Amino acid sequence: MTIHSTVKALDAALAHIQTEWMARTDADDYNLPQRFRQLVEFIRSSPGLDVVGSGVLEFEQDHAPVAVRQVSSRHQDILRFIKRRSVLTT
């Protein structure tokens, strides 16, 4: 799937959402049980946010942890990152 087809699929999904929020994850993502609860709590305590994200714990095929990828919470760092890596900017 190309980035443009991902954007089209997300746009189509957004047309059908009837909830306050939408979570977008990849097909190969595993989400820890507390992930979305923590994100919702953060959103509720931080009015005015449009997009939230979290760090990534990477695994091998055998589920052995490989690396932790943290993203910056600084606004300027996020803007730089999102321009290079996000379907939100295409």
Protein backbone atom coordinates (compact mmCIF):
# COMPACT_ATOMS: atom_id res chain seq x y z
CA MET A 1 0.00 0.00 0.00
CA THR A 2 1.41 3.37 -0.96
CA ILE A 3 1.21 6.43 1.25
CA HIS A 4 -1.40 7.91 -1.10
CA SER A 5 -3.64 4.85 -0.87
CA THR A 6 -3.27 4.94 2.92
CA VAL A 7 -4.43 8.56 2.93
CA LYS A 8 -7.41 7.69 0.72
CA ALA A 9 -8.35 4.80 3.02
CA LEU A 10 -8.10 7.07 6.09
CA ASP A 11 -10.22 9.74 4.40
CA ALA A 12 -12.87 7.14 3.56
CA ALA A 13 -12.87 5.88 7.16
CA LEU A 14 -13.21 9.40 8.56
CA ALA A 15 -16.41 9.86 6.54
CA HIS A 16 -18.02 7.03 8.55
CA ILE A 17 -16.79 7.76 12.06
CA GLN A 18 -19.47 8.77 14.52
CA THR A 19 -17.30 8.95 17.63
CA GLU A 20 -15.39 11.78 19.22
CA TRP A 21 -11.98 10.26 18.47
CA MET A 22 -10.33 7.87 16.07
CA ALA A 23 -7.26 5.72 16.72
CA ARG A 24 -5.09 4.86 13.74
CA THR A 25 -2.69 1.94 14.06
CA ASP A 26 -0.88 -0.30 11.59
CA ALA A 27 -2.02 -3.87 10.89
CA ASP A 28 1.10 -5.28 12.54
CA ASP A 29 0.83 -3.15 15.71
CA TYR A 30 0.31 -4.70 19.12
CA ASN A 31 -1.29 -2.32 21.59
CA LEU A 32 -0.67 -2.80 25.28
CA PRO A 33 -3.88 -2.96 27.36
CA GLN A 34 -3.36 0.47 28.95
CA ARG A 35 -2.30 2.33 25.78
CA PHE A 36 -5.63 3.83 24.73
CA ARG A 37 -6.77 4.50 28.30
CA GLN A 38 -3.57 6.49 28.89
CA LEU A 39 -3.96 8.38 25.62
CA VAL A 40 -7.59 9.27 26.42
CA GLU A 41 -6.60 10.47 29.89
CA PHE A 42 -3.86 12.60 28.36
CA ILE A 43 -6.22 14.06 25.74
CA ARG A 44 -8.83 14.91 28.36
CA SER A 45 -6.24 16.66 30.53
CA SER A 46 -4.79 18.62 27.59
CA PRO A 47 -7.55 20.48 25.72
CA GLY A 48 -6.80 21.79 22.25
CA LEU A 49 -4.82 18.82 20.95
CA ASP A 50 -5.44 17.61 17.39
CA VAL A 51 -3.06 14.65 17.21
CA VAL A 52 -1.42 12.46 19.86
CA GLY A 53 1.04 9.62 19.61
CA SER A 54 3.30 7.45 21.68
CA GLY A 55 6.63 5.69 21.65
CA VAL A 56 7.16 2.32 20.02
CA LEU A 57 8.47 -0.96 21.40
CA GLU A 58 9.80 -3.02 18.48
CA PHE A 59 9.73 -6.83 18.45
CA GLU A 60 11.26 -9.62 16.38
CA GLN A 61 9.09 -12.32 14.75
CA ASP A 62 9.49 -14.46 17.90
CA HIS A 63 8.09 -11.55 19.99
CA ALA A 64 11.46 -10.80 21.61
CA PRO A 65 11.79 -7.05 22.29
CA VAL A 66 14.39 -5.39 20.06
CA ALA A 67 14.28 -1.65 20.66
CA VAL A 68 12.33 1.21 22.15
CA ARG A 69 11.72 4.20 19.89
CA GLN A 70 10.67 7.33 21.73
CA VAL A 71 9.45 10.41 19.95
CA SER A 72 10.05 13.92 21.16
CA SER A 73 7.27 15.86 22.85
CA ARG A 74 8.75 19.21 21.75
CA HIS A 75 6.50 20.98 19.24
CA GLN A 76 9.29 21.86 16.78
CA ASP A 77 10.62 18.27 16.81
CA ILE A 78 7.15 16.91 16.13
CA LEU A 79 6.68 19.29 13.18
CA ARG A 80 10.00 18.16 11.68
CA PHE A 81 9.18 14.48 12.20
CA ILE A 82 5.62 14.68 10.88
CA LYS A 83 6.77 16.29 7.61
CA ARG A 84 8.99 13.28 6.88
CA ARG A 85 7.06 10.35 8.31
CA SER A 86 3.34 10.93 8.62
CA VAL A 87 0.36 10.26 6.37
CA LEU A 88 -1.23 13.26 8.08
CA THR A 89 0.81 15.64 5.94
CA THR A 90 0.29 14.21 2.45
